[in-house]
């Protein structure tokens, strides 16, 4: 989890001084989604493009 904290601090430090709380929250949201996506891939929780297309057709 230390990597997540480091990524968050790094991302926030790169924002301009005029950044709003919404800017910060959005950046943290994106970092969270990236980390969760990487974790899912490492656990084999993926789907093929064909399966995704089939699932999207049911929406």
PDB file of N, CA and C in Angstrom:
ATOM      1  N   UNK A   1       0.825  -1.203   0.000  1.00  0.00           N
ATOM      2  CA  UNK A   1       0.000   0.000   0.000  1.00  0.00           C
ATOM      3  C   UNK A   1       0.862   1.257   0.000  1.00  0.00           C
ATOM      4  N   UNK A   2       2.121   1.102   0.348  1.00  0.00           N
ATOM      5  CA  UNK A   2       3.016   2.260   0.364  1.00  0.00           C
ATOM      6  C   UNK A   2       3.128   2.876  -1.030  1.00  0.00           C
ATOM      7  N   UNK A   3       3.082   2.054  -2.060  1.00  0.00           N
ATOM      8  CA  UNK A   3       3.167   2.572  -3.423  1.00  0.00           C
ATOM      9  C   UNK A   3       1.976   3.470  -3.729  1.00  0.00           C
ATOM     10  N   UNK A   4       0.802   3.080  -3.275  1.00  0.00           N
ATOM     11  CA  UNK A   4      -0.390   3.888  -3.488  1.00  0.00           C
ATOM     12  C   UNK A   4      -0.235   5.265  -2.842  1.00  0.00           C
ATOM     13  N   UNK A   5       0.247   5.284  -1.629  1.00  0.00           N
ATOM     14  CA  UNK A   5       0.453   6.554  -0.922  1.00  0.00           C
ATOM     15  C   UNK A   5       1.480   7.410  -1.662  1.00  0.00           C
ATOM     16  N   UNK A   6       2.570   6.791  -2.089  1.00  0.00           N
ATOM     17  CA  UNK A   6       3.612   7.529  -2.816  1.00  0.00           C
ATOM     18  C   UNK A   6       3.049   8.084  -4.124  1.00  0.00           C
ATOM     19  N   UNK A   7       2.291   7.262  -4.850  1.00  0.00           N
ATOM     20  CA  UNK A   7       1.691   7.725  -6.104  1.00  0.00           C
ATOM     21  C   UNK A   7       0.758   8.911  -5.863  1.00  0.00           C
ATOM     22  N   UNK A   8      -0.022   8.847  -4.789  1.00  0.00           N
ATOM     23  CA  UNK A   8      -0.957   9.926  -4.475  1.00  0.00           C
ATOM     24  C   UNK A   8      -0.203  11.219  -4.137  1.00  0.00           C
ATOM     25  N   UNK A   9       0.807  11.108  -3.301  1.00  0.00           N
ATOM     26  CA  UNK A   9       1.599  12.292  -2.921  1.00  0.00           C
ATOM     27  C   UNK A   9       2.292  12.887  -4.137  1.00  0.00           C
ATOM     28  N   UNK A  10       2.865  12.032  -4.970  1.00  0.00           N
ATOM     29  CA  UNK A  10       3.535  12.510  -6.186  1.00  0.00           C
ATOM     30  C   UNK A  10       2.552  13.237  -7.110  1.00  0.00           C
ATOM     31  N   UNK A  11       1.376  12.645  -7.299  1.00  0.00           N
ATOM     32  CA  UNK A  11       0.380  13.247  -8.191  1.00  0.00           C
ATOM     33  C   UNK A  11      -0.083  14.601  -7.668  1.00  0.00           C
ATOM     34  N   UNK A  12      -0.332  14.671  -6.377  1.00  0.00           N
ATOM     35  CA  UNK A  12      -0.793  15.939  -5.789  1.00  0.00           C
ATOM     36  C   UNK A  12       0.304  16.993  -5.872  1.00  0.00           C
ATOM     37  N   UNK A  13       1.536  16.593  -5.645  1.00  0.00           N
ATOM     38  CA  UNK A  13       2.631  17.575  -5.675  1.00  0.00           C
ATOM     39  C   UNK A  13       2.861  18.140  -7.072  1.00  0.00           C
ATOM     40  N   UNK A  14       2.438  17.412  -8.100  1.00  0.00           N
ATOM     41  CA  UNK A  14       2.615  17.886  -9.479  1.00  0.00           C
ATOM     42  C   UNK A  14       1.488  18.806  -9.942  1.00  0.00           C
ATOM     43  N   UNK A  15       0.427  18.898  -9.151  1.00  0.00           N
ATOM     44  CA  UNK A  15      -0.679  19.791  -9.514  1.00  0.00           C
ATOM     45  C   UNK A  15      -0.259  21.246  -9.294  1.00  0.00           C
ATOM     46  N   UNK A  16      -0.828  22.163 -10.048  1.00  0.00           N
ATOM     47  CA  UNK A  16      -0.502  23.576  -9.842  1.00  0.00           C
ATOM     48  C   UNK A  16      -1.042  24.067  -8.495  1.00  0.00           C
ATOM     49  N   UNK A  17      -0.470  25.119  -7.999  1.00  0.00           N
ATOM     50  CA  UNK A  17      -0.907  25.681  -6.716  1.00  0.00           C
ATOM     51  C   UNK A  17      -2.377  26.089  -6.753  1.00  0.00           C
ATOM     52  N   UNK A  18      -2.891  26.367  -7.926  1.00  0.00           N
ATOM     53  CA  UNK A  18      -4.280  26.793  -8.068  1.00  0.00           C
ATOM     54  C   UNK A  18      -5.257  25.615  -8.123  1.00  0.00           C
ATOM     55  N   UNK A  19      -4.770  24.381  -7.950  1.00  0.00           N
ATOM     56  CA  UNK A  19      -5.628  23.199  -8.034  1.00  0.00           C
ATOM     57  C   UNK A  19      -6.726  23.265  -6.975  1.00  0.00           C
ATOM     58  N   UNK A  20      -7.898  22.821  -7.378  1.00  0.00           N
ATOM     59  CA  UNK A  20      -9.028  22.797  -6.448  1.00  0.00           C
ATOM     60  C   UNK A  20      -9.107  21.427  -5.783  1.00  0.00           C
ATOM     61  N   UNK A  21      -9.950  21.339  -4.766  1.00  0.00           N
ATOM     62  CA  UNK A  21     -10.149  20.053  -4.112  1.00  0.00           C
ATOM     63  C   UNK A  21     -10.717  19.039  -5.108  1.00  0.00           C
ATOM     64  N   UNK A  22     -11.537  19.511  -6.044  1.00  0.00           N
ATOM     65  CA  UNK A  22     -12.073  18.622  -7.076  1.00  0.00           C
ATOM     66  C   UNK A  22     -10.959  18.076  -7.964  1.00  0.00           C
ATOM     67  N   UNK A  23      -9.977  18.910  -8.299  1.00  0.00           N
ATOM     68  CA  UNK A  23      -8.831  18.456  -9.091  1.00  0.00           C
ATOM     69  C   UNK A  23      -8.068  17.356  -8.347  1.00  0.00           C
ATOM     70  N   UNK A  24      -7.855  17.579  -7.064  1.00  0.00           N
ATOM     71  CA  UNK A  24      -7.130  16.611  -6.237  1.00  0.00           C
ATOM     72  C   UNK A  24      -7.918  15.307  -6.126  1.00  0.00           C
ATOM     73  N   UNK A  25      -9.203  15.423  -5.864  1.00  0.00           N
ATOM     74  CA  UNK A  25     -10.035  14.231  -5.711  1.00  0.00           C
ATOM     75  C   UNK A  25     -10.093  13.431  -7.008  1.00  0.00           C
ATOM     76  N   UNK A  26     -10.190  14.112  -8.130  1.00  0.00           N
ATOM     77  CA  UNK A  26     -10.226  13.413  -9.414  1.00  0.00           C
ATOM     78  C   UNK A  26      -8.913  12.674  -9.654  1.00  0.00           C
ATOM     79  N   UNK A  27      -7.796  13.321  -9.365  1.00  0.00           N
ATOM     80  CA  UNK A  27      -6.487  12.688  -9.555  1.00  0.00           C
ATOM     81  C   UNK A  27      -6.364  11.444  -8.672  1.00  0.00           C
ATOM     82  N   UNK A  28      -6.829  11.548  -7.424  1.00  0.00           N
ATOM     83  CA  UNK A  28      -6.778  10.396  -6.519  1.00  0.00           C
ATOM     84  C   UNK A  28      -7.712   9.284  -6.988  1.00  0.00           C
ATOM     85  N   UNK A  29      -8.858   9.654  -7.535  1.00  0.00           N
ATOM     86  CA  UNK A  29      -9.810   8.683  -8.075  1.00  0.00           C
ATOM     87  C   UNK A  29      -9.171   7.890  -9.219  1.00  0.00           C
ATOM     88  N   UNK A  30      -8.503   8.579 -10.119  1.00  0.00           N
ATOM     89  CA  UNK A  30      -7.860   7.926 -11.259  1.00  0.00           C
ATOM     90  C   UNK A  30      -6.748   6.991 -10.774  1.00  0.00           C
ATOM     91  N   UNK A  31      -5.951   7.446  -9.833  1.00  0.00           N
ATOM     92  CA  UNK A  31      -4.882   6.609  -9.288  1.00  0.00           C
ATOM     93  C   UNK A  31      -5.469   5.343  -8.658  1.00  0.00           C
ATOM     94  N   UNK A  32      -6.553   5.496  -7.921  1.00  0.00           N
ATOM     95  CA  UNK A  32      -7.213   4.347  -7.299  1.00  0.00           C
ATOM     96  C   UNK A  32      -7.684   3.347  -8.347  1.00  0.00           C
ATOM     97  N   UNK A  33      -8.301   3.842  -9.412  1.00  0.00           N
ATOM     98  CA  UNK A  33      -8.800   2.952 -10.463  1.00  0.00           C
ATOM     99  C   UNK A  33      -7.653   2.230 -11.170  1.00  0.00           C
ATOM    100  N   UNK A  34      -6.557   2.910 -11.390  1.00  0.00           N
ATOM    101  CA  UNK A  34      -5.392   2.289 -12.017  1.00  0.00           C
ATOM    102  C   UNK A  34      -4.849   1.174 -11.129  1.00  0.00           C
ATOM    103  N   UNK A  35      -4.707   1.447  -9.828  1.00  0.00           N
ATOM    104  CA  UNK A  35      -4.207   0.429  -8.904  1.00  0.00           C
ATOM    105  C   UNK A  35      -5.155  -0.766  -8.836  1.00  0.00           C
ATOM    106  N   UNK A  36      -6.458  -0.522  -8.792  1.00  0.00           N
ATOM    107  CA  UNK A  36      -7.420  -1.618  -8.739  1.00  0.00           C
ATOM    108  C   UNK A  36      -7.392  -2.431 -10.033  1.00  0.00           C
ATOM    109  N   UNK A  37      -7.207  -1.759 -11.158  1.00  0.00           N
ATOM    110  CA  UNK A  37      -7.112  -2.454 -12.433  1.00  0.00           C
ATOM    111  C   UNK A  37      -5.885  -3.341 -12.504  1.00  0.00           C
ATOM    112  N   UNK A  38      -4.760  -2.839 -12.050  1.00  0.00           N
ATOM    113  CA  UNK A  38      -3.532  -3.638 -12.034  1.00  0.00           C
ATOM    114  C   UNK A  38      -3.685  -4.845 -11.114  1.00  0.00           C
ATOM    115  N   UNK A  39      -4.325  -4.644  -9.972  1.00  0.00           N
ATOM    116  CA  UNK A  39      -4.549  -5.739  -9.037  1.00  0.00           C
ATOM    117  C   UNK A  39      -5.456  -6.804  -9.661  1.00  0.00           C
ATOM    118  N   UNK A  40      -6.501  -6.374 -10.344  1.00  0.00           N
ATOM    119  CA  UNK A  40      -7.411  -7.314 -10.990  1.00  0.00           C
ATOM    120  C   UNK A  40      -6.678  -8.141 -12.057  1.00  0.00           C
ATOM    121  N   UNK A  41      -5.837  -7.488 -12.829  1.00  0.00           N
ATOM    122  CA  UNK A  41      -5.071  -8.198 -13.867  1.00  0.00           C
ATOM    123  C   UNK A  41      -4.138  -9.219 -13.219  1.00  0.00           C
ATOM    124  N   UNK A  42      -3.475  -8.832 -12.137  1.00  0.00           N
ATOM    125  CA  UNK A  42      -2.544  -9.761 -11.491  1.00  0.00           C
ATOM    126  C   UNK A  42      -3.273 -10.953 -10.881  1.00  0.00           C
ATOM    127  N   UNK A  43      -4.564 -10.789 -10.582  1.00  0.00           N
ATOM    128  CA  UNK A  43      -5.364 -11.892 -10.034  1.00  0.00           C
ATOM    129  C   UNK A  43      -6.079 -12.668 -11.139  1.00  0.00           C
ATOM    130  N   UNK A  44      -5.823 -12.299 -12.388  1.00  0.00           N
ATOM    131  CA  UNK A  44      -6.423 -13.004 -13.506  1.00  0.00           C
ATOM    132  C   UNK A  44      -7.873 -12.639 -13.771  1.00  0.00           C
ATOM    133  N   UNK A  45      -8.325 -11.546 -13.200  1.00  0.00           N
ATOM    134  CA  UNK A  45      -9.711 -11.106 -13.383  1.00  0.00           C
ATOM    135  C   UNK A  45      -9.809 -10.244 -14.644  1.00  0.00           C
ATOM    136  N   UNK A  46      -9.697 -10.906 -15.771  1.00  0.00           N
ATOM    137  CA  UNK A  46      -9.772 -10.211 -17.056  1.00  0.00           C
ATOM    138  C   UNK A  46     -10.839 -10.868 -17.920  1.00  0.00           C
ATOM    139  N   UNK A  47     -11.150 -10.225 -19.024  1.00  0.00           N
ATOM    140  CA  UNK A  47     -12.106 -10.801 -19.963  1.00  0.00           C
ATOM    141  C   UNK A  47     -11.644 -10.497 -21.372  1.00  0.00           C
ATOM    142  N   UNK A  48     -11.994 -11.379 -22.277  1.00  0.00           N
ATOM    143  CA  UNK A  48     -11.588 -11.185 -23.664  1.00  0.00           C
ATOM    144  C   UNK A  48     -12.428 -10.076 -24.289  1.00  0.00           C
ATOM    145  N   UNK A  49     -11.943  -9.551 -25.401  1.00  0.00           N
ATOM    146  CA  UNK A  49     -12.672  -8.517 -26.128  1.00  0.00           C
ATOM    147  C   UNK A  49     -14.014  -9.069 -26.599  1.00  0.00           C
ATOM    148  N   UNK A  50     -14.009 -10.306 -27.050  1.00  0.00           N
ATOM    149  CA  UNK A  50     -15.259 -10.923 -27.519  1.00  0.00           C
ATOM    150  C   UNK A  50     -16.276 -11.027 -26.388  1.00  0.00           C
ATOM    151  N   UNK A  51     -15.839 -11.441 -25.200  1.00  0.00           N
ATOM    152  CA  UNK A  51     -16.750 -11.512 -24.055  1.00  0.00           C
ATOM    153  C   UNK A  51     -17.275 -10.127 -23.679  1.00  0.00           C
ATOM    154  N   UNK A  52     -16.422  -9.143 -23.749  1.00  0.00           N
ATOM    155  CA  UNK A  52     -16.833  -7.780 -23.435  1.00  0.00           C
ATOM    156  C   UNK A  52     -17.867  -7.287 -24.436  1.00  0.00           C
ATOM    157  N   UNK A  53     -17.643  -7.557 -25.710  1.00  0.00           N
ATOM    158  CA  UNK A  53     -18.607  -7.152 -26.739  1.00  0.00           C
ATOM    159  C   UNK A  53     -19.950  -7.827 -26.497  1.00  0.00           C
ATOM    160  N   UNK A  54     -19.917  -9.119 -26.176  1.00  0.00           N
ATOM    161  CA  UNK A  54     -21.152  -9.859 -25.915  1.00  0.00           C
ATOM    162  C   UNK A  54     -21.880  -9.260 -24.711  1.00  0.00           C
ATOM    163  N   UNK A  55     -21.137  -8.965 -23.651  1.00  0.00           N
ATOM    164  CA  UNK A  55     -21.756  -8.376 -22.461  1.00  0.00           C
ATOM    165  C   UNK A  55     -22.332  -7.003 -22.761  1.00  0.00           C
ATOM    166  N   UNK A  56     -21.627  -6.204 -23.545  1.00  0.00           N
ATOM    167  CA  UNK A  56     -22.111  -4.858 -23.881  1.00  0.00           C
ATOM    168  C   UNK A  56     -23.396  -4.905 -24.685  1.00  0.00           C
ATOM    169  N   UNK A  57     -23.552  -5.939 -25.496  1.00  0.00           N
ATOM    170  CA  UNK A  57     -24.772  -6.071 -26.311  1.00  0.00           C
ATOM    171  C   UNK A  57     -26.011  -6.330 -25.445  1.00  0.00           C
ATOM    172  N   UNK A  58     -25.800  -6.809 -24.226  1.00  0.00           N
ATOM    173  CA  UNK A  58     -26.936  -7.111 -23.340  1.00  0.00           C
ATOM    174  C   UNK A  58     -27.386  -5.877 -22.554  1.00  0.00           C
ATOM    175  N   UNK A  59     -26.666  -4.793 -22.646  1.00  0.00           N
ATOM    176  CA  UNK A  59     -27.022  -3.585 -21.892  1.00  0.00           C
ATOM    177  C   UNK A  59     -28.228  -2.934 -22.457  1.00  0.00           C
TER     178      UNK A  59
END
